[in-house]
Amino acid sequence: MKAREKEVGNVIIIRKNGMATVVLNRPQKLNALDPELIGDLVEALGEVGSDDTIRAVLITGAGRAFSAGGDILKDIAPLREKSPSEFDGYMGQAVAMYKKVIDMEKPVIAAINGHAIGAGLDLALTCDIRIAAENAQLGEFFVRMGLIPEAGIYLLPRLVGLGKAKLLTFTGDLVDAGKAERMGLVDMVVPPDKLMSSAEELTEKLANGPKAIGIIKRAINESLRMTIDSSLDYVGRLQYQIVHTDDHREAVTSWLEKRSPEFKGR
């Protein structure tokens, strides 16, 4: 299938084979996040999230970086000049960006090509799986600007543990891809020239999987706020919904017929 490309401001959406690649496209600024790019991401992520033909999403950055975090001149320096209502509006957009990834009932993969710093790292953390190039550098730079992480406050301790989360956020130090993988910050490290092919292969594999993948994502995210008893009860109710999906029927039928399943995401 031929890829279809669309620009949403400083974001490019590429649709192909049931997957969407969302590309941050400010390479001259190392894809630093400013209010315009954040707004473009909110729009682009909302579009692919509501597109039923898209069953898995890949996020990456154009050029040499995933994202160098907040743009100092356009994003960070103006913060102290904002009124409370202006600041709430600004943070509302940032929260919307993170939540679009977290709440999307589709798997989202981050392909980290170079630096993922500050809010750029937090964006990667909201993704379900992170694949990093061997030359990638990751860091919670918020503290270097006298700020606190955003999505990272919640997500980092759950990924790397309390001690390492505090080490990363207190110091703002960069870690290389190998160390990031060892501590659980990323899930896979590949050579730079294999990054996109590896990420696309996994994303397309998930795009061809059953509807259950998106529901598993929702269940895992919700379980973080539950007791084991609440989680088991919740999963039982989800399981009842899943056994009535077309994909479950296809899984059983194809197994009995000794053929590969053809899932439709329904």
C-alpha atoms as a PDB file:
ATOM      1  CA  MET A   1       0.000   0.000   0.000  1.00  0.00           C
ATOM      2  CA  LYS A   2       1.286   3.456  -0.929  1.00  0.00           C
ATOM      3  CA  ALA A   3       2.034   5.767   2.003  1.00  0.00           C
ATOM      4  CA  ARG A   4      -0.190   8.827   2.437  1.00  0.00           C
ATOM      5  CA  GLU A   5       1.473  11.905   3.902  1.00  0.00           C
ATOM      6  CA  LYS A   6      -0.146  14.917   5.533  1.00  0.00           C
ATOM      7  CA  GLU A   7       1.287  17.987   7.251  1.00  0.00           C
ATOM      8  CA  VAL A   8      -0.286  19.361  10.419  1.00  0.00           C
ATOM      9  CA  GLY A   9       1.787  22.486  11.019  1.00  0.00           C
ATOM     10  CA  ASN A  10       5.177  21.265  12.234  1.00  0.00           C
ATOM     11  CA  VAL A  11       4.053  17.641  12.387  1.00  0.00           C
ATOM     12  CA  ILE A  12       3.947  15.125   9.542  1.00  0.00           C
ATOM     13  CA  ILE A  13       1.519  12.194   9.570  1.00  0.00           C
ATOM     14  CA  ILE A  14       2.403   9.232   7.328  1.00  0.00           C
ATOM     15  CA  ARG A  15      -0.269   6.545   6.975  1.00  0.00           C
ATOM     16  CA  LYS A  16       0.577   3.107   5.601  1.00  0.00           C
ATOM     17  CA  ASN A  17      -0.533  -0.491   6.215  1.00  0.00           C
ATOM     18  CA  GLY A  18      -2.775   0.331   9.167  1.00  0.00           C
ATOM     19  CA  MET A  19      -0.126   2.331  10.988  1.00  0.00           C
ATOM     20  CA  ALA A  20       0.557   6.050  11.325  1.00  0.00           C
ATOM     21  CA  THR A  21       3.999   7.587  11.757  1.00  0.00           C
ATOM     22  CA  VAL A  22       3.829  10.954  13.532  1.00  0.00           C
ATOM     23  CA  VAL A  23       6.982  12.987  12.880  1.00  0.00           C
ATOM     24  CA  LEU A  24       7.956  16.061  14.898  1.00  0.00           C
ATOM     25  CA  ASN A  25       9.231  18.339  12.145  1.00  0.00           C
ATOM     26  CA  ARG A  26      11.330  21.185  13.571  1.00  0.00           C
ATOM     27  CA  PRO A  27      14.706  19.639  12.737  1.00  0.00           C
ATOM     28  CA  GLN A  28      16.480  23.011  12.658  1.00  0.00           C
ATOM     29  CA  LYS A  29      15.570  23.361  16.367  1.00  0.00           C
ATOM     30  CA  LEU A  30      16.132  19.673  17.188  1.00  0.00           C
ATOM     31  CA  ASN A  31      12.332  19.362  17.414  1.00  0.00           C
ATOM     32  CA  ALA A  32      12.243  21.519  20.533  1.00  0.00           C
ATOM     33  CA  LEU A  33       8.683  21.879  21.780  1.00  0.00           C
ATOM     34  CA  ASP A  34       7.066  25.304  21.598  1.00  0.00           C
ATOM     35  CA  PRO A  35       3.360  26.160  21.941  1.00  0.00           C
ATOM     36  CA  GLU A  36       2.830  25.802  18.179  1.00  0.00           C
ATOM     37  CA  LEU A  37       4.431  22.369  17.950  1.00  0.00           C
ATOM     38  CA  ILE A  38       2.579  21.187  21.057  1.00  0.00           C
ATOM     39  CA  GLY A  39      -0.708  22.335  19.514  1.00  0.00           C
ATOM     40  CA  ASP A  40       0.170  20.628  16.239  1.00  0.00           C
ATOM     41  CA  LEU A  41       0.926  17.399  18.107  1.00  0.00           C
ATOM     42  CA  VAL A  42      -2.373  17.552  19.980  1.00  0.00           C
ATOM     43  CA  GLU A  43      -4.195  17.921  16.660  1.00  0.00           C
ATOM     44  CA  ALA A  44      -2.189  15.214  14.876  1.00  0.00           C
ATOM     45  CA  LEU A  45      -2.464  12.709  17.731  1.00  0.00           C
ATOM     46  CA  GLY A  46      -6.183  13.377  18.005  1.00  0.00           C
ATOM     47  CA  GLU A  47      -6.564  12.726  14.286  1.00  0.00           C
ATOM     48  CA  VAL A  48      -4.736   9.389  14.241  1.00  0.00           C
ATOM     49  CA  GLY A  49      -6.354   8.372  17.520  1.00  0.00           C
ATOM     50  CA  SER A  50      -9.843   8.759  16.070  1.00  0.00           C
ATOM     51  CA  ASP A  51      -8.986   7.176  12.696  1.00  0.00           C
ATOM     52  CA  ASP A  52     -10.365   3.632  12.742  1.00  0.00           C
ATOM     53  CA  THR A  53      -8.110   2.633   9.834  1.00  0.00           C
ATOM     54  CA  ILE A  54      -5.047   3.289  12.041  1.00  0.00           C
ATOM     55  CA  ARG A  55      -4.340   0.498  14.522  1.00  0.00           C
ATOM     56  CA  ALA A  56      -0.846   1.401  15.747  1.00  0.00           C
ATOM     57  CA  VAL A  57       1.165   4.620  15.935  1.00  0.00           C
ATOM     58  CA  LEU A  58       4.878   5.426  15.713  1.00  0.00           C
ATOM     59  CA  ILE A  59       6.269   8.745  17.000  1.00  0.00           C
ATOM     60  CA  THR A  60       9.706  10.032  16.005  1.00  0.00           C
ATOM     61  CA  GLY A  61      11.581  13.233  15.222  1.00  0.00           C
ATOM     62  CA  ALA A  62      12.894  14.573  11.930  1.00  0.00           C
ATOM     63  CA  GLY A  63      16.648  15.062  11.670  1.00  0.00           C
ATOM     64  CA  ARG A  64      19.125  14.458  14.492  1.00  0.00           C
ATOM     65  CA  ALA A  65      16.840  14.385  17.542  1.00  0.00           C
ATOM     66  CA  PHE A  66      13.601  12.993  18.876  1.00  0.00           C
ATOM     67  CA  SER A  67      13.028  16.237  20.786  1.00  0.00           C
ATOM     68  CA  ALA A  68      15.403  18.545  22.646  1.00  0.00           C
ATOM     69  CA  GLY A  69      12.666  19.469  25.125  1.00  0.00           C
ATOM     70  CA  GLY A  70      11.108  22.877  25.594  1.00  0.00           C
ATOM     71  CA  ASP A  71      12.236  25.688  23.292  1.00  0.00           C
ATOM     72  CA  ILE A  72      14.072  28.057  25.663  1.00  0.00           C
ATOM     73  CA  LEU A  73      13.050  31.296  23.936  1.00  0.00           C
ATOM     74  CA  LYS A  74       9.516  30.383  22.849  1.00  0.00           C
ATOM     75  CA  ASP A  75       8.447  27.933  25.533  1.00  0.00           C
ATOM     76  CA  ILE A  76      10.432  28.204  28.779  1.00  0.00           C
ATOM     77  CA  ALA A  77      11.508  31.852  29.126  1.00  0.00           C
ATOM     78  CA  PRO A  78       7.944  33.248  28.699  1.00  0.00           C
ATOM     79  CA  LEU A  79       6.481  31.038  31.445  1.00  0.00           C
ATOM     80  CA  ARG A  80       7.011  33.455  34.334  1.00  0.00           C
ATOM     81  CA  GLU A  81       5.307  36.273  32.420  1.00  0.00           C
ATOM     82  CA  LYS A  82       2.042  34.387  32.035  1.00  0.00           C
ATOM     83  CA  SER A  83      -1.010  35.166  34.142  1.00  0.00           C
ATOM     84  CA  PRO A  84      -2.510  32.243  36.101  1.00  0.00           C
ATOM     85  CA  SER A  85      -5.168  31.725  33.413  1.00  0.00           C
ATOM     86  CA  GLU A  86      -2.586  31.922  30.619  1.00  0.00           C
ATOM     87  CA  PHE A  87      -0.387  29.437  32.446  1.00  0.00           C
ATOM     88  CA  ASP A  88      -3.325  27.079  32.951  1.00  0.00           C
ATOM     89  CA  GLY A  89      -4.034  27.272  29.218  1.00  0.00           C
ATOM     90  CA  TYR A  90      -0.406  26.527  28.386  1.00  0.00           C
ATOM     91  CA  MET A  91      -0.238  23.553  30.769  1.00  0.00           C
ATOM     92  CA  GLY A  92      -3.586  22.346  29.499  1.00  0.00           C
ATOM     93  CA  GLN A  93      -2.109  21.945  26.011  1.00  0.00           C
ATOM     94  CA  ALA A  94       0.941  20.096  27.355  1.00  0.00           C
ATOM     95  CA  VAL A  95      -1.284  17.780  29.404  1.00  0.00           C
ATOM     96  CA  ALA A  96      -3.481  17.210  26.340  1.00  0.00           C
ATOM     97  CA  MET A  97      -0.381  16.193  24.346  1.00  0.00           C
ATOM     98  CA  TYR A  98       0.631  13.614  26.951  1.00  0.00           C
ATOM     99  CA  LYS A  99      -2.909  12.339  27.441  1.00  0.00           C
ATOM    100  CA  LYS A 100      -3.531  11.886  23.708  1.00  0.00           C
ATOM    101  CA  VAL A 101      -0.772   9.247  23.727  1.00  0.00           C
ATOM    102  CA  ILE A 102      -1.648   7.646  27.059  1.00  0.00           C
ATOM    103  CA  ASP A 103      -5.410   7.465  26.471  1.00  0.00           C
ATOM    104  CA  MET A 104      -5.238   6.367  22.827  1.00  0.00           C
ATOM    105  CA  GLU A 105      -6.582   2.801  22.694  1.00  0.00           C
ATOM    106  CA  LYS A 106      -3.855   1.878  20.222  1.00  0.00           C
ATOM    107  CA  PRO A 107      -0.233   0.894  20.830  1.00  0.00           C
ATOM    108  CA  VAL A 108       2.162   3.826  20.461  1.00  0.00           C
ATOM    109  CA  ILE A 109       5.871   3.260  19.795  1.00  0.00           C
ATOM    110  CA  ALA A 110       8.580   5.914  20.246  1.00  0.00           C
ATOM    111  CA  ALA A 111      11.576   5.725  17.883  1.00  0.00           C
ATOM    112  CA  ILE A 112      14.211   7.797  19.701  1.00  0.00           C
ATOM    113  CA  ASN A 113      16.724   9.073  17.170  1.00  0.00           C
ATOM    114  CA  GLY A 114      19.219  11.175  19.085  1.00  0.00           C
ATOM    115  CA  HIS A 115      18.353  13.406  22.042  1.00  0.00           C
ATOM    116  CA  ALA A 116      15.136  13.022  24.029  1.00  0.00           C
ATOM    117  CA  ILE A 117      15.348  15.675  26.719  1.00  0.00           C
ATOM    118  CA  GLY A 118      12.951  17.240  29.229  1.00  0.00           C
ATOM    119  CA  ALA A 119       9.444  17.412  27.790  1.00  0.00           C
ATOM    120  CA  GLY A 120      10.762  15.470  24.785  1.00  0.00           C
ATOM    121  CA  LEU A 121      11.679  12.600  27.105  1.00  0.00           C
ATOM    122  CA  ASP A 122       8.334  12.927  28.888  1.00  0.00           C
ATOM    123  CA  LEU A 123       6.587  12.594  25.518  1.00  0.00           C
ATOM    124  CA  ALA A 124       8.584   9.416  24.855  1.00  0.00           C
ATOM    125  CA  LEU A 125       7.701   8.118  28.324  1.00  0.00           C
ATOM    126  CA  THR A 126       3.986   8.355  27.532  1.00  0.00           C
ATOM    127  CA  CYS A 127       4.502   5.929  24.644  1.00  0.00           C
ATOM    128  CA  ASP A 128       3.890   2.244  25.294  1.00  0.00           C
ATOM    129  CA  ILE A 129       7.251   1.024  23.974  1.00  0.00           C
ATOM    130  CA  ARG A 130      10.490   2.962  23.413  1.00  0.00           C
ATOM    131  CA  ILE A 131      13.091   1.923  20.840  1.00  0.00           C
ATOM    132  CA  ALA A 132      16.306   3.949  20.905  1.00  0.00           C
ATOM    133  CA  ALA A 133      19.191   4.295  18.494  1.00  0.00           C
ATOM    134  CA  GLU A 134      22.562   3.366  20.005  1.00  0.00           C
ATOM    135  CA  ASN A 135      23.644   7.020  19.828  1.00  0.00           C
ATOM    136  CA  ALA A 136      20.545   8.344  21.617  1.00  0.00           C
ATOM    137  CA  GLN A 137      20.904  10.470  24.749  1.00  0.00           C
ATOM    138  CA  LEU A 138      18.063  10.818  27.265  1.00  0.00           C
ATOM    139  CA  GLY A 139      17.670  13.178  30.197  1.00  0.00           C
ATOM    140  CA  GLU A 140      15.136  14.886  32.469  1.00  0.00           C
ATOM    141  CA  PHE A 141      16.477  18.414  31.913  1.00  0.00           C
ATOM    142  CA  PHE A 142      13.626  20.151  33.764  1.00  0.00           C
ATOM    143  CA  VAL A 143      15.742  20.615  36.905  1.00  0.00           C
ATOM    144  CA  ARG A 144      18.410  22.414  34.881  1.00  0.00           C
ATOM    145  CA  MET A 145      15.785  25.055  34.112  1.00  0.00           C
ATOM    146  CA  GLY A 146      14.652  25.150  37.745  1.00  0.00           C
ATOM    147  CA  LEU A 147      11.481  23.243  36.803  1.00  0.00           C
ATOM    148  CA  ILE A 148       9.938  19.861  37.591  1.00  0.00           C
ATOM    149  CA  PRO A 149       9.118  17.068  35.131  1.00  0.00           C
ATOM    150  CA  GLU A 150       5.551  16.769  33.925  1.00  0.00           C
ATOM    151  CA  ALA A 151       4.498  13.292  32.777  1.00  0.00           C
ATOM    152  CA  GLY A 152       7.797  11.966  34.136  1.00  0.00           C
ATOM    153  CA  ILE A 153       6.760  12.530  37.767  1.00  0.00           C
ATOM    154  CA  TYR A 154       4.129   9.799  37.388  1.00  0.00           C
ATOM    155  CA  LEU A 155       5.736   7.562  34.779  1.00  0.00           C
ATOM    156  CA  LEU A 156       9.440   7.438  35.703  1.00  0.00           C
ATOM    157  CA  PRO A 157       9.070   5.705  39.112  1.00  0.00           C
ATOM    158  CA  ARG A 158       6.864   3.092  37.483  1.00  0.00           C
ATOM    159  CA  LEU A 159       9.430   2.426  34.762  1.00  0.00           C
ATOM    160  CA  VAL A 160      12.777   2.598  36.566  1.00  0.00           C
ATOM    161  CA  GLY A 161      11.933   2.564  40.303  1.00  0.00           C
ATOM    162  CA  LEU A 162      11.965   5.325  42.896  1.00  0.00           C
ATOM    163  CA  GLY A 163      15.714   5.643  43.369  1.00  0.00           C
ATOM    164  CA  LYS A 164      16.633   5.897  39.707  1.00  0.00           C
ATOM    165  CA  ALA A 165      13.655   8.172  39.019  1.00  0.00           C
ATOM    166  CA  LYS A 166      14.926  10.560  41.675  1.00  0.00           C
ATOM    167  CA  LEU A 167      18.496  10.287  40.402  1.00  0.00           C
ATOM    168  CA  LEU A 168      17.407  11.204  36.865  1.00  0.00           C
ATOM    169  CA  THR A 169      15.123  14.043  37.931  1.00  0.00           C
ATOM    170  CA  PHE A 170      17.324  15.520  40.687  1.00  0.00           C
ATOM    171  CA  THR A 171      20.439  15.704  38.482  1.00  0.00           C
ATOM    172  CA  GLY A 172      19.065  16.154  34.970  1.00  0.00           C
ATOM    173  CA  ASP A 173      22.039  14.087  33.796  1.00  0.00           C
ATOM    174  CA  LEU A 174      22.052  12.527  30.340  1.00  0.00           C
ATOM    175  CA  VAL A 175      22.175   8.755  30.004  1.00  0.00           C
ATOM    176  CA  ASP A 176      23.152   6.897  26.871  1.00  0.00           C
ATOM    177  CA  ALA A 177      20.921   4.349  25.192  1.00  0.00           C
ATOM    178  CA  GLY A 178      22.662   1.329  26.691  1.00  0.00           C
ATOM    179  CA  LYS A 179      22.321   2.595  30.251  1.00  0.00           C
ATOM    180  CA  ALA A 180      18.739   3.667  29.528  1.00  0.00           C
ATOM    181  CA  GLU A 181      17.907   0.119  28.436  1.00  0.00           C
ATOM    182  CA  ARG A 182      19.541  -1.429  31.496  1.00  0.00           C
ATOM    183  CA  MET A 183      17.494   0.752  33.856  1.00  0.00           C
ATOM    184  CA  GLY A 184      14.232   0.194  31.951  1.00  0.00           C
ATOM    185  CA  LEU A 185      13.954   3.690  30.488  1.00  0.00           C
ATOM    186  CA  VAL A 186      13.876   2.240  26.965  1.00  0.00           C
ATOM    187  CA  ASP A 187      12.869  -1.236  25.871  1.00  0.00           C
ATOM    188  CA  MET A 188      15.119  -1.875  22.875  1.00  0.00           C
ATOM    189  CA  VAL A 189      18.368  -0.428  21.489  1.00  0.00           C
ATOM    190  CA  VAL A 190      19.349  -0.813  17.848  1.00  0.00           C
ATOM    191  CA  PRO A 191      22.004   0.629  15.500  1.00  0.00           C
ATOM    192  CA  PRO A 192      21.049   4.090  14.189  1.00  0.00           C
ATOM    193  CA  ASP A 193      20.604   2.816  10.637  1.00  0.00           C
ATOM    194  CA  LYS A 194      18.190   0.120  11.879  1.00  0.00           C
ATOM    195  CA  LEU A 195      16.059   2.370  14.090  1.00  0.00           C
ATOM    196  CA  MET A 196      13.220   3.217  11.736  1.00  0.00           C
ATOM    197  CA  SER A 197      13.043  -0.197  10.093  1.00  0.00           C
ATOM    198  CA  SER A 198      12.954  -1.898  13.522  1.00  0.00           C
ATOM    199  CA  ALA A 199      10.342   0.521  14.873  1.00  0.00           C
ATOM    200  CA  GLU A 200       8.206   0.269  11.736  1.00  0.00           C
ATOM    201  CA  GLU A 201       8.395  -3.531  11.771  1.00  0.00           C
ATOM    202  CA  LEU A 202       7.120  -3.659  15.357  1.00  0.00           C
ATOM    203  CA  THR A 203       4.462  -0.994  14.757  1.00  0.00           C
ATOM    204  CA  GLU A 204       3.157  -2.789  11.666  1.00  0.00           C
ATOM    205  CA  LYS A 205       3.121  -6.102  13.563  1.00  0.00           C
ATOM    206  CA  LEU A 206       0.954  -4.513  16.273  1.00  0.00           C
ATOM    207  CA  ALA A 207      -1.230  -2.840  13.636  1.00  0.00           C
ATOM    208  CA  ASN A 208      -2.008  -6.306  12.284  1.00  0.00           C
ATOM    209  CA  GLY A 209      -2.861  -7.651  15.741  1.00  0.00           C
ATOM    210  CA  PRO A 210      -6.298  -8.000  17.323  1.00  0.00           C
ATOM    211  CA  LYS A 211      -8.390  -5.327  19.002  1.00  0.00           C
ATOM    212  CA  ALA A 212      -7.307  -6.889  22.300  1.00  0.00           C
ATOM    213  CA  ILE A 213      -3.962  -5.024  22.091  1.00  0.00           C
ATOM    214  CA  GLY A 214      -5.596  -1.643  22.623  1.00  0.00           C
ATOM    215  CA  ILE A 215      -7.725  -3.041  25.436  1.00  0.00           C
ATOM    216  CA  ILE A 216      -4.648  -4.580  27.083  1.00  0.00           C
ATOM    217  CA  LYS A 217      -3.063  -1.103  27.005  1.00  0.00           C
ATOM    218  CA  ARG A 218      -6.121   0.404  28.672  1.00  0.00           C
ATOM    219  CA  ALA A 219      -6.234  -2.363  31.279  1.00  0.00           C
ATOM    220  CA  ILE A 220      -2.544  -2.011  32.205  1.00  0.00           C
ATOM    221  CA  ASN A 221      -2.823   1.778  32.513  1.00  0.00           C
ATOM    222  CA  GLU A 222      -5.948   1.537  34.649  1.00  0.00           C
ATOM    223  CA  SER A 223      -4.459  -1.207  36.834  1.00  0.00           C
ATOM    224  CA  LEU A 224      -1.745   1.199  38.019  1.00  0.00           C
ATOM    225  CA  ARG A 225      -4.443   2.919  40.080  1.00  0.00           C
ATOM    226  CA  MET A 226      -6.091  -0.278  41.400  1.00  0.00           C
ATOM    227  CA  THR A 227      -5.700  -2.990  43.998  1.00  0.00           C
ATOM    228  CA  ILE A 228      -5.216  -6.537  42.715  1.00  0.00           C
ATOM    229  CA  ASP A 229      -8.838  -7.359  43.542  1.00  0.00           C
ATOM    230  CA  SER A 230     -10.122  -4.305  41.673  1.00  0.00           C
ATOM    231  CA  SER A 231      -7.882  -5.115  38.714  1.00  0.00           C
ATOM    232  CA  LEU A 232      -9.089  -8.710  38.457  1.00  0.00           C
ATOM    233  CA  ASP A 233     -12.703  -7.561  38.602  1.00  0.00           C
ATOM    234  CA  TYR A 234     -12.050  -4.904  35.951  1.00  0.00           C
ATOM    235  CA  VAL A 235     -10.244  -7.353  33.657  1.00  0.00           C
ATOM    236  CA  GLY A 236     -13.089  -9.831  34.005  1.00  0.00           C
ATOM    237  CA  ARG A 237     -15.539  -7.245  32.683  1.00  0.00           C
ATOM    238  CA  LEU A 238     -13.176  -6.348  29.823  1.00  0.00           C
ATOM    239  CA  GLN A 239     -12.741 -10.018  28.967  1.00  0.00           C
ATOM    240  CA  TYR A 240     -16.502 -10.358  28.553  1.00  0.00           C
ATOM    241  CA  GLN A 241     -16.398  -7.525  25.995  1.00  0.00           C
ATOM    242  CA  ILE A 242     -13.420  -9.026  24.141  1.00  0.00           C
ATOM    243  CA  VAL A 243     -14.976 -12.485  23.677  1.00  0.00           C
ATOM    244  CA  HIS A 244     -17.684 -10.784  21.628  1.00  0.00           C
ATOM    245  CA  THR A 245     -15.262  -9.107  19.191  1.00  0.00           C
ATOM    246  CA  ASP A 246     -14.827 -10.195  15.582  1.00  0.00           C
ATOM    247  CA  ASP A 247     -11.093 -10.587  16.214  1.00  0.00           C
ATOM    248  CA  HIS A 248     -11.639 -13.127  18.998  1.00  0.00           C
ATOM    249  CA  ARG A 249     -13.954 -15.113  16.727  1.00  0.00           C
ATOM    250  CA  GLU A 250     -11.325 -14.979  13.972  1.00  0.00           C
ATOM    251  CA  ALA A 251      -8.583 -16.108  16.374  1.00  0.00           C
ATOM    252  CA  VAL A 252     -10.546 -19.197  17.397  1.00  0.00           C
ATOM    253  CA  THR A 253     -11.709 -19.984  13.858  1.00  0.00           C
ATOM    254  CA  SER A 254      -8.238 -19.645  12.330  1.00  0.00           C
ATOM    255  CA  TRP A 255      -6.738 -21.844  15.051  1.00  0.00           C
ATOM    256  CA  LEU A 256      -9.259 -24.579  14.380  1.00  0.00           C
ATOM    257  CA  GLU A 257      -8.739 -24.228  10.614  1.00  0.00           C
ATOM    258  CA  LYS A 258      -4.942 -24.308  11.051  1.00  0.00           C
ATOM    259  CA  ARG A 259      -4.308 -21.006   9.245  1.00  0.00           C
ATOM    260  CA  SER A 260      -2.942 -17.578  10.154  1.00  0.00           C
ATOM    261  CA  PRO A 261      -5.562 -15.181  11.532  1.00  0.00           C
ATOM    262  CA  GLU A 262      -6.581 -12.041   9.667  1.00  0.00           C
ATOM    263  CA  PHE A 263      -7.478  -9.488  12.308  1.00  0.00           C
ATOM    264  CA  LYS A 264      -9.524  -6.395  11.431  1.00  0.00           C
ATOM    265  CA  GLY A 265      -9.274  -4.496  14.719  1.00  0.00           C
ATOM    266  CA  ARG A 266     -12.967  -5.057  15.445  1.00  0.00           C
END
